[in-house]
Amino acid sequence: MSIESLNKWGATRYVCKSVAQELSIEHIFCDPNSNQRNSRGIRSEKQIRDELGYSQILSQSQVEKLDEALKSEWPLREEFWLEKILAVKVAAILFVLGSSHIDSFHVY
C-alpha cells in the first residue's frame, strides 16, 4: 500500500499500520506512489485501460487482456517492494501482499 492509494479510496484507518503501532514495531508503506511509478515506468490500471481503449465496463476477453497487462507490471512493482524491505534493517519482517502475488514474489 501507499498513502496516496489509501487517500484515493478515502481510507481513514490503516489496519497494518495500526497493528504495527499496537505491537510497537516499525511500519512502512511499500507500494510506489504515482511519481515513483512514473519514474520506474510502472503503468497504472488507468494508463493500461487508456492504452487499450477500454472504458469502465469490460467484456470477459477485455478483463483477461487487462489482467495480463497488469501482471506484466508486477516484476517492476515487486522489485520496488523488495528494495523497500531490504532498506529496513531488522531481524524479522511481516510483509502483507495480495494473494495473486504469492507465486511471483519470493524473498529468501
N, C-alpha and C. Protein backbone atom coordinates (compact mmCIF):
# COMPACT_ATOMS: atom_id res chain seq x y z
N MET A 1 0.82 -1.19 0.00
CA MET A 1 0.00 0.00 0.00
C MET A 1 0.87 1.25 0.00
N SER A 2 0.28 2.30 -0.46
CA SER A 2 0.90 3.62 -0.37
C SER A 2 -0.12 4.57 0.25
N ILE A 3 0.37 5.60 0.89
CA ILE A 3 -0.53 6.60 1.47
C ILE A 3 -1.39 7.21 0.38
N GLU A 4 -0.79 7.46 -0.78
CA GLU A 4 -1.54 8.03 -1.90
C GLU A 4 -2.73 7.16 -2.28
N SER A 5 -2.50 5.86 -2.36
CA SER A 5 -3.57 4.93 -2.73
C SER A 5 -4.67 4.89 -1.67
N LEU A 6 -4.27 4.86 -0.41
CA LEU A 6 -5.26 4.85 0.66
C LEU A 6 -6.08 6.14 0.67
N ASN A 7 -5.42 7.26 0.43
CA ASN A 7 -6.13 8.54 0.37
C ASN A 7 -7.10 8.57 -0.80
N LYS A 8 -6.69 7.99 -1.91
CA LYS A 8 -7.55 7.94 -3.10
C LYS A 8 -8.87 7.24 -2.79
N TRP A 9 -8.81 6.18 -1.99
CA TRP A 9 -10.00 5.41 -1.65
C TRP A 9 -10.69 5.91 -0.39
N GLY A 10 -10.18 6.99 0.19
CA GLY A 10 -10.82 7.59 1.36
C GLY A 10 -10.64 6.80 2.64
N ALA A 11 -9.57 6.02 2.72
CA ALA A 11 -9.31 5.24 3.94
C ALA A 11 -8.99 6.18 5.08
N THR A 12 -9.57 5.91 6.23
CA THR A 12 -9.31 6.73 7.41
C THR A 12 -8.52 5.97 8.46
N ARG A 13 -8.37 4.67 8.27
CA ARG A 13 -7.60 3.83 9.20
C ARG A 13 -6.79 2.85 8.38
N TYR A 14 -5.56 2.71 8.73
CA TYR A 14 -4.66 1.80 8.02
C TYR A 14 -4.43 0.60 8.92
N VAL A 15 -5.05 -0.52 8.62
CA VAL A 15 -5.05 -1.68 9.52
C VAL A 15 -3.63 -2.14 9.84
N CYS A 16 -2.80 -2.34 8.81
CA CYS A 16 -1.44 -2.83 9.07
C CYS A 16 -0.65 -1.84 9.92
N LYS A 17 -0.80 -0.56 9.64
CA LYS A 17 -0.10 0.45 10.43
C LYS A 17 -0.60 0.45 11.88
N SER A 18 -1.90 0.31 12.06
CA SER A 18 -2.47 0.28 13.41
C SER A 18 -1.96 -0.92 14.20
N VAL A 19 -1.90 -2.09 13.54
CA VAL A 19 -1.40 -3.29 14.21
C VAL A 19 0.07 -3.11 14.58
N ALA A 20 0.85 -2.57 13.66
CA ALA A 20 2.28 -2.33 13.94
C ALA A 20 2.44 -1.40 15.14
N GLN A 21 1.65 -0.35 15.21
CA GLN A 21 1.73 0.58 16.33
C GLN A 21 1.36 -0.11 17.64
N GLU A 22 0.32 -0.95 17.61
CA GLU A 22 -0.09 -1.66 18.81
C GLU A 22 1.00 -2.61 19.30
N LEU A 23 1.77 -3.18 18.36
CA LEU A 23 2.84 -4.12 18.70
C LEU A 23 4.19 -3.43 18.89
N SER A 24 4.19 -2.11 18.72
CA SER A 24 5.42 -1.32 18.83
C SER A 24 6.51 -1.79 17.87
N ILE A 25 6.09 -2.05 16.63
CA ILE A 25 7.05 -2.40 15.60
C ILE A 25 6.96 -1.39 14.46
N GLU A 26 8.03 -1.29 13.71
CA GLU A 26 8.09 -0.32 12.62
C GLU A 26 7.12 -0.70 11.50
N HIS A 27 6.51 0.30 10.90
CA HIS A 27 5.63 0.11 9.75
C HIS A 27 6.13 0.97 8.60
N ILE A 28 6.14 0.40 7.41
CA ILE A 28 6.45 1.19 6.21
C ILE A 28 5.45 0.85 5.12
N PHE A 29 5.15 1.84 4.29
CA PHE A 29 4.34 1.61 3.10
C PHE A 29 5.30 1.24 1.98
N CYS A 30 5.04 0.15 1.26
CA CYS A 30 5.98 -0.34 0.27
C CYS A 30 5.55 -0.15 -1.18
N ASP A 31 4.30 0.13 -1.44
CA ASP A 31 3.86 0.26 -2.83
C ASP A 31 4.25 1.63 -3.37
N PRO A 32 4.70 1.71 -4.60
CA PRO A 32 5.10 3.00 -5.15
C PRO A 32 3.91 3.93 -5.36
N ASN A 33 4.13 5.21 -5.11
CA ASN A 33 3.09 6.20 -5.41
C ASN A 33 3.17 6.54 -6.90
N SER A 34 2.32 7.42 -7.37
CA SER A 34 2.26 7.70 -8.81
C SER A 34 3.56 8.29 -9.34
N ASN A 35 4.24 9.15 -8.58
CA ASN A 35 5.52 9.70 -9.04
C ASN A 35 6.57 8.61 -9.16
N GLN A 36 6.62 7.72 -8.17
CA GLN A 36 7.58 6.61 -8.19
C GLN A 36 7.25 5.64 -9.33
N ARG A 37 5.98 5.39 -9.57
CA ARG A 37 5.58 4.52 -10.68
C ARG A 37 6.02 5.14 -12.02
N ASN A 38 5.76 6.42 -12.17
CA ASN A 38 6.15 7.09 -13.42
C ASN A 38 7.65 7.03 -13.65
N SER A 39 8.43 7.28 -12.60
CA SER A 39 9.88 7.29 -12.77
C SER A 39 10.44 5.90 -13.06
N ARG A 40 9.72 4.86 -12.67
CA ARG A 40 10.17 3.48 -12.92
C ARG A 40 9.47 2.85 -14.11
N GLY A 41 8.57 3.57 -14.72
CA GLY A 41 7.87 3.03 -15.89
C GLY A 41 6.82 1.99 -15.55
N ILE A 42 6.25 2.07 -14.35
CA ILE A 42 5.21 1.13 -13.94
C ILE A 42 3.86 1.76 -14.28
N ARG A 43 3.16 1.15 -15.22
CA ARG A 43 1.88 1.69 -15.65
C ARG A 43 0.77 1.39 -14.64
N SER A 44 -0.13 2.34 -14.48
CA SER A 44 -1.30 2.15 -13.62
C SER A 44 -2.40 1.45 -14.40
N GLU A 45 -3.40 0.97 -13.69
CA GLU A 45 -4.54 0.35 -14.38
C GLU A 45 -5.19 1.36 -15.33
N LYS A 46 -5.31 2.59 -14.90
CA LYS A 46 -5.91 3.62 -15.76
C LYS A 46 -5.10 3.81 -17.03
N GLN A 47 -3.78 3.88 -16.91
CA GLN A 47 -2.93 4.04 -18.09
C GLN A 47 -3.09 2.87 -19.05
N ILE A 48 -3.15 1.67 -18.50
CA ILE A 48 -3.31 0.48 -19.34
C ILE A 48 -4.68 0.49 -20.01
N ARG A 49 -5.72 0.82 -19.25
CA ARG A 49 -7.07 0.90 -19.84
C ARG A 49 -7.08 1.91 -20.99
N ASP A 50 -6.46 3.07 -20.76
CA ASP A 50 -6.42 4.09 -21.81
C ASP A 50 -5.67 3.60 -23.04
N GLU A 51 -4.52 2.93 -22.82
CA GLU A 51 -3.75 2.39 -23.94
C GLU A 51 -4.54 1.36 -24.74
N LEU A 52 -5.34 0.54 -24.03
CA LEU A 52 -6.14 -0.48 -24.69
C LEU A 52 -7.45 0.07 -25.24
N GLY A 53 -7.78 1.31 -24.87
CA GLY A 53 -9.03 1.91 -25.33
C GLY A 53 -10.25 1.36 -24.61
N TYR A 54 -10.09 0.91 -23.37
CA TYR A 54 -11.18 0.30 -22.61
C TYR A 54 -11.88 1.33 -21.74
N SER A 55 -13.19 1.17 -21.62
CA SER A 55 -13.97 2.00 -20.70
C SER A 55 -14.06 1.28 -19.36
N GLN A 56 -15.00 1.68 -18.52
CA GLN A 56 -15.15 1.05 -17.21
C GLN A 56 -15.85 -0.31 -17.29
N ILE A 57 -16.69 -0.50 -18.28
CA ILE A 57 -17.41 -1.76 -18.44
C ILE A 57 -16.67 -2.59 -19.48
N LEU A 58 -16.28 -3.82 -19.07
CA LEU A 58 -15.44 -4.65 -19.92
C LEU A 58 -16.10 -5.99 -20.23
N SER A 59 -15.82 -6.51 -21.42
CA SER A 59 -16.23 -7.86 -21.75
C SER A 59 -15.27 -8.83 -21.06
N GLN A 60 -15.59 -10.10 -21.05
CA GLN A 60 -14.73 -11.09 -20.41
C GLN A 60 -13.35 -11.12 -21.07
N SER A 61 -13.29 -11.03 -22.39
CA SER A 61 -11.98 -11.06 -23.07
C SER A 61 -11.17 -9.80 -22.74
N GLN A 62 -11.84 -8.66 -22.58
CA GLN A 62 -11.14 -7.44 -22.19
C GLN A 62 -10.60 -7.54 -20.77
N VAL A 63 -11.38 -8.15 -19.87
CA VAL A 63 -10.92 -8.36 -18.49
C VAL A 63 -9.65 -9.20 -18.51
N GLU A 64 -9.64 -10.25 -19.31
CA GLU A 64 -8.47 -11.13 -19.39
C GLU A 64 -7.26 -10.39 -19.95
N LYS A 65 -7.45 -9.57 -20.98
CA LYS A 65 -6.34 -8.79 -21.55
C LYS A 65 -5.83 -7.75 -20.56
N LEU A 66 -6.74 -7.11 -19.84
CA LEU A 66 -6.35 -6.12 -18.84
C LEU A 66 -5.57 -6.79 -17.71
N ASP A 67 -6.04 -7.95 -17.26
CA ASP A 67 -5.34 -8.69 -16.19
C ASP A 67 -3.92 -9.06 -16.64
N GLU A 68 -3.78 -9.52 -17.85
CA GLU A 68 -2.45 -9.88 -18.35
C GLU A 68 -1.53 -8.66 -18.42
N ALA A 69 -2.07 -7.54 -18.87
CA ALA A 69 -1.28 -6.31 -18.95
C ALA A 69 -0.86 -5.85 -17.55
N LEU A 70 -1.78 -5.94 -16.59
CA LEU A 70 -1.45 -5.57 -15.22
C LEU A 70 -0.38 -6.49 -14.65
N LYS A 71 -0.48 -7.78 -14.92
CA LYS A 71 0.52 -8.74 -14.44
C LYS A 71 1.89 -8.47 -15.03
N SER A 72 1.93 -7.91 -16.21
CA SER A 72 3.23 -7.61 -16.83
C SER A 72 3.97 -6.51 -16.08
N GLU A 73 3.25 -5.74 -15.27
CA GLU A 73 3.84 -4.67 -14.46
C GLU A 73 4.35 -5.19 -13.11
N TRP A 74 3.94 -6.38 -12.72
CA TRP A 74 4.28 -6.91 -11.40
C TRP A 74 5.77 -6.99 -11.12
N PRO A 75 6.59 -7.47 -12.04
CA PRO A 75 8.02 -7.56 -11.70
C PRO A 75 8.63 -6.23 -11.28
N LEU A 76 8.27 -5.15 -11.97
CA LEU A 76 8.80 -3.83 -11.60
C LEU A 76 8.27 -3.39 -10.23
N ARG A 77 7.02 -3.64 -10.01
CA ARG A 77 6.40 -3.26 -8.74
C ARG A 77 6.98 -4.09 -7.59
N GLU A 78 7.12 -5.39 -7.81
CA GLU A 78 7.65 -6.26 -6.77
C GLU A 78 9.12 -5.95 -6.49
N GLU A 79 9.85 -5.53 -7.50
CA GLU A 79 11.24 -5.11 -7.29
C GLU A 79 11.28 -3.90 -6.36
N PHE A 80 10.37 -2.96 -6.54
CA PHE A 80 10.27 -1.79 -5.68
C PHE A 80 9.98 -2.23 -4.24
N TRP A 81 9.05 -3.17 -4.07
CA TRP A 81 8.73 -3.66 -2.72
C TRP A 81 9.99 -4.23 -2.06
N LEU A 82 10.70 -5.06 -2.82
CA LEU A 82 11.89 -5.70 -2.27
C LEU A 82 12.93 -4.66 -1.84
N GLU A 83 13.12 -3.63 -2.64
CA GLU A 83 14.06 -2.57 -2.27
C GLU A 83 13.65 -1.91 -0.96
N LYS A 84 12.35 -1.66 -0.80
CA LYS A 84 11.86 -1.05 0.44
C LYS A 84 12.09 -1.99 1.64
N ILE A 85 11.84 -3.27 1.43
CA ILE A 85 12.03 -4.26 2.51
C ILE A 85 13.49 -4.35 2.90
N LEU A 86 14.36 -4.44 1.91
CA LEU A 86 15.79 -4.59 2.19
C LEU A 86 16.40 -3.36 2.85
N ALA A 87 15.77 -2.21 2.66
CA ALA A 87 16.26 -0.97 3.27
C ALA A 87 15.99 -0.94 4.78
N VAL A 88 15.06 -1.76 5.24
CA VAL A 88 14.73 -1.83 6.67
C VAL A 88 15.67 -2.84 7.31
N LYS A 89 16.44 -2.39 8.25
CA LYS A 89 17.44 -3.25 8.90
C LYS A 89 16.87 -3.85 10.18
N VAL A 90 16.11 -4.92 10.03
CA VAL A 90 15.54 -5.63 11.18
C VAL A 90 15.75 -7.13 10.99
N ALA A 91 15.65 -7.87 12.10
CA ALA A 91 15.87 -9.32 12.05
C ALA A 91 14.69 -10.07 11.42
N ALA A 92 13.49 -9.57 11.64
CA ALA A 92 12.30 -10.23 11.10
C ALA A 92 11.37 -9.17 10.53
N ILE A 93 10.57 -9.59 9.57
CA ILE A 93 9.67 -8.65 8.92
C ILE A 93 8.36 -9.35 8.57
N LEU A 94 7.28 -8.63 8.66
CA LEU A 94 5.98 -9.11 8.20
C LEU A 94 5.62 -8.27 7.00
N PHE A 95 5.39 -8.93 5.88
CA PHE A 95 5.03 -8.21 4.65
C PHE A 95 3.67 -8.73 4.19
N VAL A 96 2.71 -7.83 4.06
CA VAL A 96 1.36 -8.20 3.65
C VAL A 96 1.20 -7.88 2.17
N LEU A 97 0.79 -8.90 1.40
CA LEU A 97 0.59 -8.70 -0.03
C LEU A 97 -0.65 -9.44 -0.48
N GLY A 98 -1.12 -9.08 -1.65
CA GLY A 98 -2.30 -9.73 -2.21
C GLY A 98 -1.99 -11.17 -2.61
N SER A 99 -2.98 -12.02 -2.52
CA SER A 99 -2.78 -13.44 -2.79
C SER A 99 -2.31 -13.70 -4.22
N SER A 100 -2.60 -12.82 -5.14
CA SER A 100 -2.16 -13.00 -6.53
C SER A 100 -0.63 -12.93 -6.67
N HIS A 101 0.03 -12.33 -5.70
CA HIS A 101 1.48 -12.16 -5.77
C HIS A 101 2.27 -13.26 -5.06
N ILE A 102 1.60 -14.21 -4.46
CA ILE A 102 2.29 -15.23 -3.67
C ILE A 102 3.30 -16.00 -4.53
N ASP A 103 2.92 -16.42 -5.72
CA ASP A 103 3.82 -17.21 -6.55
C ASP A 103 4.92 -16.38 -7.22
N SER A 104 4.65 -15.11 -7.45
CA SER A 104 5.63 -14.30 -8.18
C SER A 104 6.60 -13.53 -7.29
N PHE A 105 6.25 -13.35 -6.01
CA PHE A 105 7.09 -12.56 -5.12
C PHE A 105 7.70 -13.47 -4.05
N HIS A 106 8.99 -13.70 -4.15
CA HIS A 106 9.69 -14.56 -3.20
C HIS A 106 10.81 -13.77 -2.55
N VAL A 107 10.95 -13.93 -1.27
CA VAL A 107 12.09 -13.37 -0.56
C VAL A 107 12.69 -14.52 0.24
N TYR A 108 13.93 -14.83 -0.06
CA TYR A 108 14.59 -15.96 0.60
C TYR A 108 15.44 -15.49 1.74
